[in-house]
Amino acid sequence: MAPMRSAARKTRHTSYKGVARGRVVQLEGGASLPEGTAVTVLVEEPTKGSPAAVLDVLRRLPDPRPGDVDELERMIELGKRPAQPEGMFDRPRRQRRR
């Protein structure tokens, strides 16, 4: 009896990285594929709180306008408090709760 052959087509897999922009995936490094090439997209979701997740959020932030930066600097100045010459633990224990 002859061995049965698989009906599945043998394929070669090549890996590319890219970024989704709406309904289009832009490949990194100038890579391109011929029109009509069959692809499978594997979405890489960073673990919550990981450095990759933080960078992902930062990449999605809108670019600040010059006025936004000026406003931030103004708010920082308004929120500054004078430095205290002594720390909380420099005072005797009974005076710390003030």
C-alpha atoms as a PDB file:
ATOM      1  CA  MET A   1       0.000   0.000   0.000  1.00  0.00           C
ATOM      2  CA  ALA A   2       1.422   3.434  -0.989  1.00  0.00           C
ATOM      3  CA  PRO A   3       1.885   6.083   1.751  1.00  0.00           C
ATOM      4  CA  MET A   4      -0.782   8.822   1.711  1.00  0.00           C
ATOM      5  CA  ARG A   5       0.427  12.294   0.893  1.00  0.00           C
ATOM      6  CA  SER A   6      -0.860  15.320   2.644  1.00  0.00           C
ATOM      7  CA  ALA A   7      -3.209  17.474   0.596  1.00  0.00           C
ATOM      8  CA  ALA A   8      -1.783  20.577   2.292  1.00  0.00           C
ATOM      9  CA  ARG A   9       0.562  22.696   0.263  1.00  0.00           C
ATOM     10  CA  LYS A  10       4.072  23.077   1.627  1.00  0.00           C
ATOM     11  CA  THR A  11       4.863  26.719   2.297  1.00  0.00           C
ATOM     12  CA  ARG A  12       7.900  28.642   3.387  1.00  0.00           C
ATOM     13  CA  HIS A  13       7.394  31.247   6.108  1.00  0.00           C
ATOM     14  CA  THR A  14       9.303  34.517   6.197  1.00  0.00           C
ATOM     15  CA  SER A  15       8.921  36.934   9.076  1.00  0.00           C
ATOM     16  CA  TYR A  16       8.504  40.719   8.740  1.00  0.00           C
ATOM     17  CA  LYS A  17       7.827  43.329  11.385  1.00  0.00           C
ATOM     18  CA  GLY A  18       5.655  46.354  10.821  1.00  0.00           C
ATOM     19  CA  VAL A  19       3.162  48.796  12.274  1.00  0.00           C
ATOM     20  CA  ALA A  20      -0.562  48.962  11.563  1.00  0.00           C
ATOM     21  CA  ARG A  21      -1.751  52.326  10.247  1.00  0.00           C
ATOM     22  CA  GLY A  22      -5.506  52.051   9.960  1.00  0.00           C
ATOM     23  CA  ARG A  23      -6.231  49.185   7.583  1.00  0.00           C
ATOM     24  CA  VAL A  24      -2.665  49.058   6.204  1.00  0.00           C
ATOM     25  CA  VAL A  25       0.407  47.379   7.718  1.00  0.00           C
ATOM     26  CA  GLN A  26       3.588  49.321   6.981  1.00  0.00           C
ATOM     27  CA  LEU A  27       6.572  46.958   6.986  1.00  0.00           C
ATOM     28  CA  GLU A  28       9.818  48.017   8.663  1.00  0.00           C
ATOM     29  CA  GLY A  29      13.100  48.399   6.846  1.00  0.00           C
ATOM     30  CA  GLY A  30      11.570  49.261   3.483  1.00  0.00           C
ATOM     31  CA  ALA A  31      10.384  45.672   2.971  1.00  0.00           C
ATOM     32  CA  SER A  32       7.616  45.156   0.443  1.00  0.00           C
ATOM     33  CA  LEU A  33       5.607  42.199  -0.787  1.00  0.00           C
ATOM     34  CA  PRO A  34       4.144  41.593  -4.221  1.00  0.00           C
ATOM     35  CA  GLU A  35       0.489  42.621  -4.610  1.00  0.00           C
ATOM     36  CA  GLY A  36      -1.803  39.745  -3.641  1.00  0.00           C
ATOM     37  CA  THR A  37       0.692  37.975  -1.377  1.00  0.00           C
ATOM     38  CA  ALA A  38      -1.134  35.913   1.266  1.00  0.00           C
ATOM     39  CA  VAL A  39      -0.110  36.958   4.773  1.00  0.00           C
ATOM     40  CA  THR A  40      -0.957  36.071   8.348  1.00  0.00           C
ATOM     41  CA  VAL A  41      -0.805  38.874  10.894  1.00  0.00           C
ATOM     42  CA  LEU A  42       0.279  38.032  14.450  1.00  0.00           C
ATOM     43  CA  VAL A  43      -0.490  40.924  16.793  1.00  0.00           C
ATOM     44  CA  GLU A  44       2.146  41.500  19.474  1.00  0.00           C
ATOM     45  CA  GLU A  45       0.404  42.821  22.551  1.00  0.00           C
ATOM     46  CA  PRO A  46       2.808  43.990  25.253  1.00  0.00           C
ATOM     47  CA  THR A  47       2.212  42.785  28.812  1.00  0.00           C
ATOM     48  CA  LYS A  48       0.378  45.375  30.895  1.00  0.00           C
ATOM     49  CA  GLY A  49       2.906  47.596  32.712  1.00  0.00           C
ATOM     50  CA  SER A  50       5.910  46.320  30.753  1.00  0.00           C
ATOM     51  CA  PRO A  51       8.399  48.763  29.211  1.00  0.00           C
ATOM     52  CA  ALA A  52       6.993  47.859  25.781  1.00  0.00           C
ATOM     53  CA  ALA A  53       3.460  48.724  26.946  1.00  0.00           C
ATOM     54  CA  VAL A  54       4.607  52.101  28.299  1.00  0.00           C
ATOM     55  CA  LEU A  55       6.403  52.885  25.036  1.00  0.00           C
ATOM     56  CA  ASP A  56       3.316  51.845  23.084  1.00  0.00           C
ATOM     57  CA  VAL A  57       1.178  54.334  25.021  1.00  0.00           C
ATOM     58  CA  LEU A  58       3.764  57.087  24.606  1.00  0.00           C
ATOM     59  CA  ARG A  59       3.852  56.526  20.832  1.00  0.00           C
ATOM     60  CA  ARG A  60       0.099  57.066  20.661  1.00  0.00           C
ATOM     61  CA  LEU A  61       0.147  60.405  22.485  1.00  0.00           C
ATOM     62  CA  PRO A  62      -0.563  63.455  20.320  1.00  0.00           C
ATOM     63  CA  ASP A  63       2.347  65.760  19.589  1.00  0.00           C
ATOM     64  CA  PRO A  64       2.304  68.755  21.949  1.00  0.00           C
ATOM     65  CA  ARG A  65       1.867  72.226  20.511  1.00  0.00           C
ATOM     66  CA  PRO A  66       4.288  74.986  21.567  1.00  0.00           C
ATOM     67  CA  GLY A  67       1.546  76.602  23.684  1.00  0.00           C
ATOM     68  CA  ASP A  68       1.040  73.323  25.573  1.00  0.00           C
ATOM     69  CA  VAL A  69       4.695  73.244  26.617  1.00  0.00           C
ATOM     70  CA  ASP A  70       4.533  76.886  27.778  1.00  0.00           C
ATOM     71  CA  GLU A  71       1.416  76.100  29.830  1.00  0.00           C
ATOM     72  CA  LEU A  72       3.083  73.064  31.434  1.00  0.00           C
ATOM     73  CA  GLU A  73       6.123  75.134  32.429  1.00  0.00           C
ATOM     74  CA  ARG A  74       3.829  77.844  33.868  1.00  0.00           C
ATOM     75  CA  MET A  75       1.915  75.259  35.929  1.00  0.00           C
ATOM     76  CA  ILE A  76       5.175  73.755  37.237  1.00  0.00           C
ATOM     77  CA  GLU A  77       6.285  77.187  38.429  1.00  0.00           C
ATOM     78  CA  LEU A  78       2.929  77.783  40.146  1.00  0.00           C
ATOM     79  CA  GLY A  79       3.150  74.442  41.945  1.00  0.00           C
ATOM     80  CA  LYS A  80       6.656  74.906  43.343  1.00  0.00           C
ATOM     81  CA  ARG A  81       6.944  75.069  47.123  1.00  0.00           C
ATOM     82  CA  PRO A  82       9.803  76.593  49.057  1.00  0.00           C
ATOM     83  CA  ALA A  83      12.411  74.125  50.264  1.00  0.00           C
ATOM     84  CA  GLN A  84      12.367  73.337  53.974  1.00  0.00           C
ATOM     85  CA  PRO A  85      15.772  73.500  55.657  1.00  0.00           C
ATOM     86  CA  GLU A  86      14.975  70.490  57.843  1.00  0.00           C
ATOM     87  CA  GLY A  87      13.233  67.223  57.155  1.00  0.00           C
ATOM     88  CA  MET A  88      10.345  65.641  58.992  1.00  0.00           C
ATOM     89  CA  PHE A  89      12.628  63.226  60.827  1.00  0.00           C
ATOM     90  CA  ASP A  90      14.932  66.015  62.060  1.00  0.00           C
ATOM     91  CA  ARG A  91      12.234  67.105  64.561  1.00  0.00           C
ATOM     92  CA  PRO A  92      11.569  65.312  67.863  1.00  0.00           C
ATOM     93  CA  ARG A  93       9.017  62.495  67.557  1.00  0.00           C
ATOM     94  CA  ARG A  94       6.235  64.331  69.437  1.00  0.00           C
ATOM     95  CA  GLN A  95       6.347  67.244  66.941  1.00  0.00           C
ATOM     96  CA  ARG A  96       6.173  65.137  63.727  1.00  0.00           C
ATOM     97  CA  ARG A  97       2.371  64.927  63.500  1.00  0.00           C
ATOM     98  CA  ARG A  98       1.889  68.576  62.633  1.00  0.00           C
END
